[in-house]
PDB file of N, CA and C in Angstrom:
ATOM      1  N   UNK A   1     -12.333   7.126 -42.055  1.00  0.00           N
ATOM      2  CA  UNK A   1     -13.555   6.367 -41.914  1.00  0.00           C
ATOM      3  C   UNK A   1     -14.619   7.299 -41.342  1.00  0.00           C
ATOM      4  N   UNK A   2     -15.655   7.522 -42.094  1.00  0.00           N
ATOM      5  CA  UNK A   2     -16.698   8.449 -41.684  1.00  0.00           C
ATOM      6  C   UNK A   2     -17.467   7.917 -40.469  1.00  0.00           C
ATOM      7  N   UNK A   3     -17.647   8.768 -39.467  1.00  0.00           N
ATOM      8  CA  UNK A   3     -18.397   8.390 -38.270  1.00  0.00           C
ATOM      9  C   UNK A   3     -17.585   7.662 -37.212  1.00  0.00           C
ATOM     10  N   UNK A   4     -16.340   7.382 -37.505  1.00  0.00           N
ATOM     11  CA  UNK A   4     -15.492   6.681 -36.531  1.00  0.00           C
ATOM     12  C   UNK A   4     -15.021   7.658 -35.468  1.00  0.00           C
ATOM     13  N   UNK A   5     -15.289   7.368 -34.220  1.00  0.00           N
ATOM     14  CA  UNK A   5     -14.936   8.290 -33.136  1.00  0.00           C
ATOM     15  C   UNK A   5     -13.618   7.931 -32.469  1.00  0.00           C
ATOM     16  N   UNK A   6     -13.017   6.824 -32.853  1.00  0.00           N
ATOM     17  CA  UNK A   6     -11.741   6.433 -32.243  1.00  0.00           C
ATOM     18  C   UNK A   6     -11.953   5.562 -31.028  1.00  0.00           C
ATOM     19  N   UNK A   7     -10.919   4.854 -30.660  1.00  0.00           N
ATOM     20  CA  UNK A   7     -11.018   3.927 -29.535  1.00  0.00           C
ATOM     21  C   UNK A   7     -11.013   4.632 -28.194  1.00  0.00           C
ATOM     22  N   UNK A   8     -10.395   5.811 -28.112  1.00  0.00           N
ATOM     23  CA  UNK A   8     -10.281   6.521 -26.845  1.00  0.00           C
ATOM     24  C   UNK A   8     -11.582   7.060 -26.305  1.00  0.00           C
ATOM     25  N   UNK A   9     -12.637   7.088 -27.101  1.00  0.00           N
ATOM     26  CA  UNK A   9     -13.905   7.660 -26.662  1.00  0.00           C
ATOM     27  C   UNK A   9     -14.927   6.619 -26.237  1.00  0.00           C
ATOM     28  N   UNK A  10     -14.556   5.363 -26.222  1.00  0.00           N
ATOM     29  CA  UNK A  10     -15.515   4.322 -25.881  1.00  0.00           C
ATOM     30  C   UNK A  10     -15.835   4.365 -24.393  1.00  0.00           C
ATOM     31  N   UNK A  11     -17.083   4.049 -24.007  1.00  0.00           N
ATOM     32  CA  UNK A  11     -17.466   4.073 -22.585  1.00  0.00           C
ATOM     33  C   UNK A  11     -16.615   3.171 -21.713  1.00  0.00           C
ATOM     34  N   UNK A  12     -16.179   2.034 -22.241  1.00  0.00           N
ATOM     35  CA  UNK A  12     -15.369   1.114 -21.436  1.00  0.00           C
ATOM     36  C   UNK A  12     -14.036   1.748 -21.050  1.00  0.00           C
ATOM     37  N   UNK A  13     -13.538   2.678 -21.841  1.00  0.00           N
ATOM     38  CA  UNK A  13     -12.252   3.309 -21.572  1.00  0.00           C
ATOM     39  C   UNK A  13     -12.320   4.222 -20.350  1.00  0.00           C
ATOM     40  N   UNK A  14     -13.511   4.587 -19.910  1.00  0.00           N
ATOM     41  CA  UNK A  14     -13.653   5.448 -18.745  1.00  0.00           C
ATOM     42  C   UNK A  14     -13.297   4.710 -17.458  1.00  0.00           C
ATOM     43  N   UNK A  15     -13.369   3.389 -17.471  1.00  0.00           N
ATOM     44  CA  UNK A  15     -12.969   2.606 -16.311  1.00  0.00           C
ATOM     45  C   UNK A  15     -11.453   2.675 -16.167  1.00  0.00           C
ATOM     46  N   UNK A  16     -10.990   2.615 -14.943  1.00  0.00           N
ATOM     47  CA  UNK A  16      -9.549   2.666 -14.667  1.00  0.00           C
ATOM     48  C   UNK A  16      -9.107   1.345 -14.067  1.00  0.00           C
ATOM     49  N   UNK A  17      -7.876   0.971 -14.346  1.00  0.00           N
ATOM     50  CA  UNK A  17      -7.316  -0.227 -13.731  1.00  0.00           C
ATOM     51  C   UNK A  17      -6.553   0.199 -12.485  1.00  0.00           C
ATOM     52  N   UNK A  18      -6.887  -0.417 -11.365  1.00  0.00           N
ATOM     53  CA  UNK A  18      -6.235  -0.146 -10.084  1.00  0.00           C
ATOM     54  C   UNK A  18      -5.343  -1.338  -9.765  1.00  0.00           C
ATOM     55  N   UNK A  19      -4.121  -1.060  -9.388  1.00  0.00           N
ATOM     56  CA  UNK A  19      -3.187  -2.120  -8.979  1.00  0.00           C
ATOM     57  C   UNK A  19      -3.126  -2.090  -7.459  1.00  0.00           C
ATOM     58  N   UNK A  20      -3.542  -3.187  -6.825  1.00  0.00           N
ATOM     59  CA  UNK A  20      -3.634  -3.261  -5.372  1.00  0.00           C
ATOM     60  C   UNK A  20      -2.354  -2.904  -4.641  1.00  0.00           C
ATOM     61  N   UNK A  21      -1.204  -3.248  -5.237  1.00  0.00           N
ATOM     62  CA  UNK A  21       0.071  -2.983  -4.582  1.00  0.00           C
ATOM     63  C   UNK A  21       0.393  -1.488  -4.512  1.00  0.00           C
ATOM     64  N   UNK A  22      -0.324  -0.661  -5.272  1.00  0.00           N
ATOM     65  CA  UNK A  22      -0.032   0.768  -5.319  1.00  0.00           C
ATOM     66  C   UNK A  22      -0.993   1.594  -4.458  1.00  0.00           C
ATOM     67  N   UNK A  23      -1.639   0.945  -3.514  1.00  0.00           N
ATOM     68  CA  UNK A  23      -2.585   1.647  -2.645  1.00  0.00           C
ATOM     69  C   UNK A  23      -2.086   1.657  -1.210  1.00  0.00           C
ATOM     70  N   UNK A  24      -2.631   2.570  -0.417  1.00  0.00           N
ATOM     71  CA  UNK A  24      -2.217   2.705   0.973  1.00  0.00           C
ATOM     72  C   UNK A  24      -3.065   1.878   1.914  1.00  0.00           C
ATOM     73  N   UNK A  25      -2.989   2.230   3.202  1.00  0.00           N
ATOM     74  CA  UNK A  25      -3.758   1.530   4.232  1.00  0.00           C
ATOM     75  C   UNK A  25      -5.253   1.764   4.044  1.00  0.00           C
ATOM     76  N   UNK A  26      -6.019   0.789   4.477  1.00  0.00           N
ATOM     77  CA  UNK A  26      -7.483   0.842   4.405  1.00  0.00           C
ATOM     78  C   UNK A  26      -8.010   1.744   5.519  1.00  0.00           C
ATOM     79  N   UNK A  27      -9.037   2.511   5.209  1.00  0.00           N
ATOM     80  CA  UNK A  27      -9.693   3.358   6.199  1.00  0.00           C
ATOM     81  C   UNK A  27     -11.201   3.293   6.026  1.00  0.00           C
ATOM     82  N   UNK A  28     -11.925   3.956   6.907  1.00  0.00           N
ATOM     83  CA  UNK A  28     -13.379   4.049   6.831  1.00  0.00           C
ATOM     84  C   UNK A  28     -13.762   5.511   6.980  1.00  0.00           C
ATOM     85  N   UNK A  29     -14.645   5.997   6.082  1.00  0.00           N
ATOM     86  CA  UNK A  29     -15.047   7.402   6.156  1.00  0.00           C
ATOM     87  C   UNK A  29     -16.221   7.591   7.112  1.00  0.00           C
ATOM     88  N   UNK A  30     -16.724   8.819   7.210  1.00  0.00           N
ATOM     89  CA  UNK A  30     -17.819   9.150   8.130  1.00  0.00           C
ATOM     90  C   UNK A  30     -19.101   8.392   7.805  1.00  0.00           C
ATOM     91  N   UNK A  31     -19.270   8.013   6.532  1.00  0.00           N
ATOM     92  CA  UNK A  31     -20.470   7.274   6.123  1.00  0.00           C
ATOM     93  C   UNK A  31     -20.320   5.771   6.334  1.00  0.00           C
ATOM     94  N   UNK A  32     -19.150   5.343   6.809  1.00  0.00           N
ATOM     95  CA  UNK A  32     -18.907   3.927   7.029  1.00  0.00           C
ATOM     96  C   UNK A  32     -18.408   3.189   5.793  1.00  0.00           C
ATOM     97  N   UNK A  33     -18.051   3.932   4.751  1.00  0.00           N
ATOM     98  CA  UNK A  33     -17.544   3.299   3.531  1.00  0.00           C
ATOM     99  C   UNK A  33     -16.050   3.025   3.651  1.00  0.00           C
ATOM    100  N   UNK A  34     -15.648   1.852   3.192  1.00  0.00           N
ATOM    101  CA  UNK A  34     -14.250   1.447   3.229  1.00  0.00           C
ATOM    102  C   UNK A  34     -13.529   2.060   2.035  1.00  0.00           C
ATOM    103  N   UNK A  35     -12.335   2.583   2.258  1.00  0.00           N
ATOM    104  CA  UNK A  35     -11.581   3.212   1.176  1.00  0.00           C
ATOM    105  C   UNK A  35     -10.084   3.028   1.377  1.00  0.00           C
ATOM    106  N   UNK A  36      -9.343   3.330   0.335  1.00  0.00           N
ATOM    107  CA  UNK A  36      -7.890   3.399   0.383  1.00  0.00           C
ATOM    108  C   UNK A  36      -7.469   4.560  -0.506  1.00  0.00           C
ATOM    109  N   UNK A  37      -6.232   4.970  -0.401  1.00  0.00           N
ATOM    110  CA  UNK A  37      -5.718   6.094  -1.181  1.00  0.00           C
ATOM    111  C   UNK A  37      -4.677   5.588  -2.176  1.00  0.00           C
ATOM    112  N   UNK A  38      -4.798   6.048  -3.417  1.00  0.00           N
ATOM    113  CA  UNK A  38      -3.807   5.724  -4.448  1.00  0.00           C
ATOM    114  C   UNK A  38      -2.482   6.371  -4.061  1.00  0.00           C
ATOM    115  N   UNK A  39      -1.389   5.611  -4.087  1.00  0.00           N
ATOM    116  CA  UNK A  39      -0.089   6.107  -3.636  1.00  0.00           C
ATOM    117  C   UNK A  39       0.777   6.697  -4.740  1.00  0.00           C
ATOM    118  N   UNK A  40       0.539   6.283  -5.994  1.00  0.00           N
ATOM    119  CA  UNK A  40       1.392   6.719  -7.101  1.00  0.00           C
ATOM    120  C   UNK A  40       0.540   7.107  -8.304  1.00  0.00           C
ATOM    121  N   UNK A  41       1.059   7.991  -9.153  1.00  0.00           N
ATOM    122  CA  UNK A  41       0.428   8.283 -10.433  1.00  0.00           C
ATOM    123  C   UNK A  41       0.566   7.042 -11.313  1.00  0.00           C
ATOM    124  N   UNK A  42      -0.444   6.789 -12.165  1.00  0.00           N
ATOM    125  CA  UNK A  42      -0.399   5.620 -13.039  1.00  0.00           C
ATOM    126  C   UNK A  42      -0.609   6.024 -14.491  1.00  0.00           C
ATOM    127  N   UNK A  43      -0.252   5.147 -15.397  1.00  0.00           N
ATOM    128  CA  UNK A  43      -0.496   5.370 -16.814  1.00  0.00           C
ATOM    129  C   UNK A  43      -1.980   5.337 -17.123  1.00  0.00           C
ATOM    130  N   UNK A  44      -2.760   4.711 -16.271  1.00  0.00           N
ATOM    131  CA  UNK A  44      -4.207   4.630 -16.454  1.00  0.00           C
ATOM    132  C   UNK A  44      -4.905   5.958 -16.162  1.00  0.00           C
ATOM    133  N   UNK A  45      -4.181   6.892 -15.571  1.00  0.00           N
ATOM    134  CA  UNK A  45      -4.771   8.193 -15.279  1.00  0.00           C
ATOM    135  C   UNK A  45      -5.092   8.430 -13.819  1.00  0.00           C
ATOM    136  N   UNK A  46      -4.854   7.443 -12.964  1.00  0.00           N
ATOM    137  CA  UNK A  46      -5.036   7.661 -11.534  1.00  0.00           C
ATOM    138  C   UNK A  46      -3.881   8.526 -11.029  1.00  0.00           C
ATOM    139  N   UNK A  47      -4.175   9.381 -10.068  1.00  0.00           N
ATOM    140  CA  UNK A  47      -3.163  10.268  -9.504  1.00  0.00           C
ATOM    141  C   UNK A  47      -2.941   9.907  -8.034  1.00  0.00           C
ATOM    142  N   UNK A  48      -1.738  10.145  -7.560  1.00  0.00           N
ATOM    143  CA  UNK A  48      -1.468   9.951  -6.139  1.00  0.00           C
ATOM    144  C   UNK A  48      -2.438  10.830  -5.354  1.00  0.00           C
ATOM    145  N   UNK A  49      -3.097  10.266  -4.364  1.00  0.00           N
ATOM    146  CA  UNK A  49      -4.061  11.008  -3.561  1.00  0.00           C
ATOM    147  C   UNK A  49      -5.510  10.736  -3.933  1.00  0.00           C
ATOM    148  N   UNK A  50      -5.759  10.073  -5.069  1.00  0.00           N
ATOM    149  CA  UNK A  50      -7.135   9.720  -5.431  1.00  0.00           C
ATOM    150  C   UNK A  50      -7.692   8.716  -4.422  1.00  0.00           C
ATOM    151  N   UNK A  51      -8.980   8.836  -4.124  1.00  0.00           N
ATOM    152  CA  UNK A  51      -9.646   7.939  -3.182  1.00  0.00           C
ATOM    153  C   UNK A  51     -10.271   6.783  -3.941  1.00  0.00           C
ATOM    154  N   UNK A  52     -10.081   5.576  -3.433  1.00  0.00           N
ATOM    155  CA  UNK A  52     -10.638   4.369  -4.029  1.00  0.00           C
ATOM    156  C   UNK A  52     -11.577   3.716  -3.019  1.00  0.00           C
ATOM    157  N   UNK A  53     -12.880   3.780  -3.285  1.00  0.00           N
ATOM    158  CA  UNK A  53     -13.858   3.165  -2.391  1.00  0.00           C
ATOM    159  C   UNK A  53     -13.962   1.680  -2.707  1.00  0.00           C
ATOM    160  N   UNK A  54     -14.019   0.877  -1.651  1.00  0.00           N
ATOM    161  CA  UNK A  54     -14.018  -0.579  -1.778  1.00  0.00           C
ATOM    162  C   UNK A  54     -15.398  -1.103  -1.377  1.00  0.00           C
ATOM    163  N   UNK A  55     -16.199  -1.608  -2.337  1.00  0.00           N
ATOM    164  CA  UNK A  55     -17.528  -2.128  -1.999  1.00  0.00           C
ATOM    165  C   UNK A  55     -17.421  -3.431  -1.208  1.00  0.00           C
ATOM    166  N   UNK A  56     -18.488  -3.785  -0.484  1.00  0.00           N
ATOM    167  CA  UNK A  56     -18.467  -5.007   0.330  1.00  0.00           C
ATOM    168  C   UNK A  56     -18.061  -6.262  -0.451  1.00  0.00           C
ATOM    169  N   UNK A  57     -18.378  -6.333  -1.735  1.00  0.00           N
ATOM    170  CA  UNK A  57     -18.015  -7.507  -2.531  1.00  0.00           C
ATOM    171  C   UNK A  57     -16.502  -7.704  -2.597  1.00  0.00           C
ATOM    172  N   UNK A  58     -15.730  -6.643  -2.391  1.00  0.00           N
ATOM    173  CA  UNK A  58     -14.269  -6.735  -2.442  1.00  0.00           C
ATOM    174  C   UNK A  58     -13.633  -6.796  -1.055  1.00  0.00           C
ATOM    175  N   UNK A  59     -14.421  -6.820  -0.001  1.00  0.00           N
ATOM    176  CA  UNK A  59     -13.841  -6.860   1.350  1.00  0.00           C
ATOM    177  C   UNK A  59     -13.007  -8.115   1.570  1.00  0.00           C
ATOM    178  N   UNK A  60     -13.296  -9.180   0.819  1.00  0.00           N
ATOM    179  CA  UNK A  60     -12.477 -10.399   0.938  1.00  0.00           C
ATOM    180  C   UNK A  60     -11.070 -10.176   0.396  1.00  0.00           C
ATOM    181  N   UNK A  61     -10.875  -9.067  -0.345  1.00  0.00           N
ATOM    182  CA  UNK A  61      -9.568  -8.736  -0.911  1.00  0.00           C
ATOM    183  C   UNK A  61      -8.731  -7.869   0.021  1.00  0.00           C
ATOM    184  N   UNK A  62      -9.226  -7.648   1.236  1.00  0.00           N
ATOM    185  CA  UNK A  62      -8.494  -6.835   2.212  1.00  0.00           C
ATOM    186  C   UNK A  62      -7.673  -7.763   3.100  1.00  0.00           C
ATOM    187  N   UNK A  63      -6.390  -7.482   3.196  1.00  0.00           N
ATOM    188  CA  UNK A  63      -5.468  -8.323   3.967  1.00  0.00           C
ATOM    189  C   UNK A  63      -5.294  -7.750   5.367  1.00  0.00           C
ATOM    190  N   UNK A  64      -5.546  -8.556   6.375  1.00  0.00           N
ATOM    191  CA  UNK A  64      -5.345  -8.185   7.785  1.00  0.00           C
ATOM    192  C   UNK A  64      -5.994  -6.846   8.141  1.00  0.00           C
ATOM    193  N   UNK A  65      -7.122  -6.520   7.529  1.00  0.00           N
ATOM    194  CA  UNK A  65      -7.844  -5.261   7.775  1.00  0.00           C
ATOM    195  C   UNK A  65      -6.987  -4.029   7.532  1.00  0.00           C
ATOM    196  N   UNK A  66      -5.914  -4.163   6.747  1.00  0.00           N
ATOM    197  CA  UNK A  66      -5.014  -3.035   6.547  1.00  0.00           C
ATOM    198  C   UNK A  66      -4.778  -2.643   5.103  1.00  0.00           C
ATOM    199  N   UNK A  67      -4.668  -3.620   4.185  1.00  0.00           N
ATOM    200  CA  UNK A  67      -4.273  -3.322   2.814  1.00  0.00           C
ATOM    201  C   UNK A  67      -5.137  -4.070   1.810  1.00  0.00           C
ATOM    202  N   UNK A  68      -5.258  -3.482   0.621  1.00  0.00           N
ATOM    203  CA  UNK A  68      -5.934  -4.140  -0.482  1.00  0.00           C
ATOM    204  C   UNK A  68      -4.968  -5.169  -1.070  1.00  0.00           C
ATOM    205  N   UNK A  69      -5.449  -6.377  -1.267  1.00  0.00           N
ATOM    206  CA  UNK A  69      -4.617  -7.446  -1.816  1.00  0.00           C
ATOM    207  C   UNK A  69      -4.083  -7.046  -3.183  1.00  0.00           C
ATOM    208  N   UNK A  70      -2.864  -7.477  -3.486  1.00  0.00           N
ATOM    209  CA  UNK A  70      -2.263  -7.190  -4.781  1.00  0.00           C
ATOM    210  C   UNK A  70      -3.091  -7.766  -5.914  1.00  0.00           C
ATOM    211  N   UNK A  71      -2.980  -7.159  -7.058  1.00  0.00           N
ATOM    212  CA  UNK A  71      -3.723  -7.611  -8.225  1.00  0.00           C
ATOM    213  C   UNK A  71      -4.368  -6.427  -8.917  1.00  0.00           C
ATOM    214  N   UNK A  72      -5.039  -6.699 -10.017  1.00  0.00           N
ATOM    215  CA  UNK A  72      -5.681  -5.647 -10.795  1.00  0.00           C
ATOM    216  C   UNK A  72      -7.173  -5.607 -10.501  1.00  0.00           C
ATOM    217  N   UNK A  73      -7.701  -4.405 -10.356  1.00  0.00           N
ATOM    218  CA  UNK A  73      -9.115  -4.176 -10.102  1.00  0.00           C
ATOM    219  C   UNK A  73      -9.616  -3.122 -11.089  1.00  0.00           C
ATOM    220  N   UNK A  74     -10.851  -3.255 -11.529  1.00  0.00           N
ATOM    221  CA  UNK A  74     -11.467  -2.229 -12.369  1.00  0.00           C
ATOM    222  C   UNK A  74     -12.189  -1.241 -11.455  1.00  0.00           C
ATOM    223  N   UNK A  75     -12.106   0.034 -11.802  1.00  0.00           N
ATOM    224  CA  UNK A  75     -12.761   1.062 -10.990  1.00  0.00           C
ATOM    225  C   UNK A  75     -13.415   2.088 -11.912  1.00  0.00           C
ATOM    226  N   UNK A  76     -14.530   2.654 -11.454  1.00  0.00           N
ATOM    227  CA  UNK A  76     -15.189   3.712 -12.206  1.00  0.00           C
ATOM    228  C   UNK A  76     -15.277   4.956 -11.335  1.00  0.00           C
ATOM    229  N   UNK A  77     -15.194   6.106 -11.977  1.00  0.00           N
ATOM    230  CA  UNK A  77     -15.218   7.375 -11.256  1.00  0.00           C
ATOM    231  C   UNK A  77     -16.602   7.600 -10.647  1.00  0.00           C
ATOM    232  N   UNK A  78     -16.647   8.108  -9.426  1.00  0.00           N
ATOM    233  CA  UNK A  78     -17.931   8.369  -8.761  1.00  0.00           C
ATOM    234  C   UNK A  78     -18.595   9.602  -9.372  1.00  0.00           C
ATOM    235  N   UNK A  79     -19.902   9.702  -9.211  1.00  0.00           N
ATOM    236  CA  UNK A  79     -20.654  10.833  -9.763  1.00  0.00           C
ATOM    237  C   UNK A  79     -20.165  12.161  -9.190  1.00  0.00           C
ATOM    238  N   UNK A  80     -19.934  12.214  -7.886  1.00  0.00           N
ATOM    239  CA  UNK A  80     -19.457  13.440  -7.255  1.00  0.00           C
ATOM    240  C   UNK A  80     -18.100  13.863  -7.782  1.00  0.00           C
ATOM    241  N   UNK A  81     -17.272  12.906  -8.084  1.00  0.00           N
ATOM    242  CA  UNK A  81     -15.938  13.193  -8.591  1.00  0.00           C
ATOM    243  C   UNK A  81     -15.999  13.748 -10.008  1.00  0.00           C
ATOM    244  N   UNK A  82     -16.941  13.258 -10.808  1.00  0.00           N
ATOM    245  CA  UNK A  82     -17.076  13.732 -12.189  1.00  0.00           C
ATOM    246  C   UNK A  82     -17.424  15.221 -12.226  1.00  0.00           C
ATOM    247  N   UNK A  83     -18.128  15.705 -11.214  1.00  0.00           N
ATOM    248  CA  UNK A  83     -18.538  17.109 -11.148  1.00  0.00           C
ATOM    249  C   UNK A  83     -17.409  18.019 -10.662  1.00  0.00           C
ATOM    250  N   UNK A  84     -16.426  17.436  -9.999  1.00  0.00           N
ATOM    251  CA  UNK A  84     -15.319  18.191  -9.430  1.00  0.00           C
ATOM    252  C   UNK A  84     -14.322  18.571 -10.516  1.00  0.00           C
ATOM    253  N   UNK A  85     -13.953  19.839 -10.585  1.00  0.00           N
ATOM    254  CA  UNK A  85     -13.027  20.292 -11.621  1.00  0.00           C
ATOM    255  C   UNK A  85     -11.574  20.194 -11.190  1.00  0.00           C
ATOM    256  N   UNK A  86     -11.308  20.343  -9.904  1.00  0.00           N
ATOM    257  CA  UNK A  86      -9.933  20.309  -9.391  1.00  0.00           C
ATOM    258  C   UNK A  86      -9.819  19.331  -8.235  1.00  0.00           C
ATOM    259  N   UNK A  87      -8.589  19.025  -7.901  1.00  0.00           N
ATOM    260  CA  UNK A  87      -8.334  18.189  -6.731  1.00  0.00           C
ATOM    261  C   UNK A  87      -8.386  16.711  -7.027  1.00  0.00           C
ATOM    262  N   UNK A  88      -8.162  15.899  -6.002  1.00  0.00           N
ATOM    263  CA  UNK A  88      -8.164  14.443  -6.182  1.00  0.00           C
ATOM    264  C   UNK A  88      -9.527  13.936  -6.637  1.00  0.00           C
ATOM    265  N   UNK A  89      -9.517  12.864  -7.384  1.00  0.00           N
ATOM    266  CA  UNK A  89     -10.731  12.215  -7.860  1.00  0.00           C
ATOM    267  C   UNK A  89     -11.069  11.061  -6.923  1.00  0.00           C
ATOM    268  N   UNK A  90     -12.287  10.556  -7.054  1.00  0.00           N
ATOM    269  CA  UNK A  90     -12.656   9.361  -6.292  1.00  0.00           C
ATOM    270  C   UNK A  90     -13.244   8.332  -7.243  1.00  0.00           C
ATOM    271  N   UNK A  91     -12.939   7.074  -6.951  1.00  0.00           N
ATOM    272  CA  UNK A  91     -13.360   5.954  -7.767  1.00  0.00           C
ATOM    273  C   UNK A  91     -13.934   4.876  -6.872  1.00  0.00           C
ATOM    274  N   UNK A  92     -14.789   4.039  -7.457  1.00  0.00           N
ATOM    275  CA  UNK A  92     -15.367   2.894  -6.744  1.00  0.00           C
ATOM    276  C   UNK A  92     -14.951   1.632  -7.499  1.00  0.00           C
ATOM    277  N   UNK A  93     -14.374   0.679  -6.762  1.00  0.00           N
ATOM    278  CA  UNK A  93     -14.020  -0.590  -7.399  1.00  0.00           C
ATOM    279  C   UNK A  93     -15.285  -1.262  -7.880  1.00  0.00           C
ATOM    280  N   UNK A  94     -15.212  -1.857  -9.062  1.00  0.00           N
ATOM    281  CA  UNK A  94     -16.383  -2.528  -9.625  1.00  0.00           C
ATOM    282  C   UNK A  94     -16.485  -3.933  -9.084  1.00  0.00           C
ATOM    283  N   UNK A  95     -17.710  -4.426  -9.019  1.00  0.00           N
ATOM    284  CA  UNK A  95     -17.976  -5.771  -8.483  1.00  0.00           C
ATOM    285  C   UNK A  95     -17.504  -6.831  -9.440  1.00  0.00           C
TER     286      UNK A  95
END
């Protein structure tokens, strides 16, 4: 099919699915942003050690100020992470 770029190149595919049960304890960085760390590699392309920033809209999904509630969340890679060639990536959960 002429001009067909395939399904893997669509912009929506750049989003990653985060499973709440596969994340670590909640923390806060120097800028006051809430985050958690991905604990396991996933088929979605997340790697153990990737940082997942949690926007205020998702703070209701934090259990006992310690963990992200189980379930699936959509996340997009941060601009700073896109520029990084090596090392862990960072993502922001979508609203």
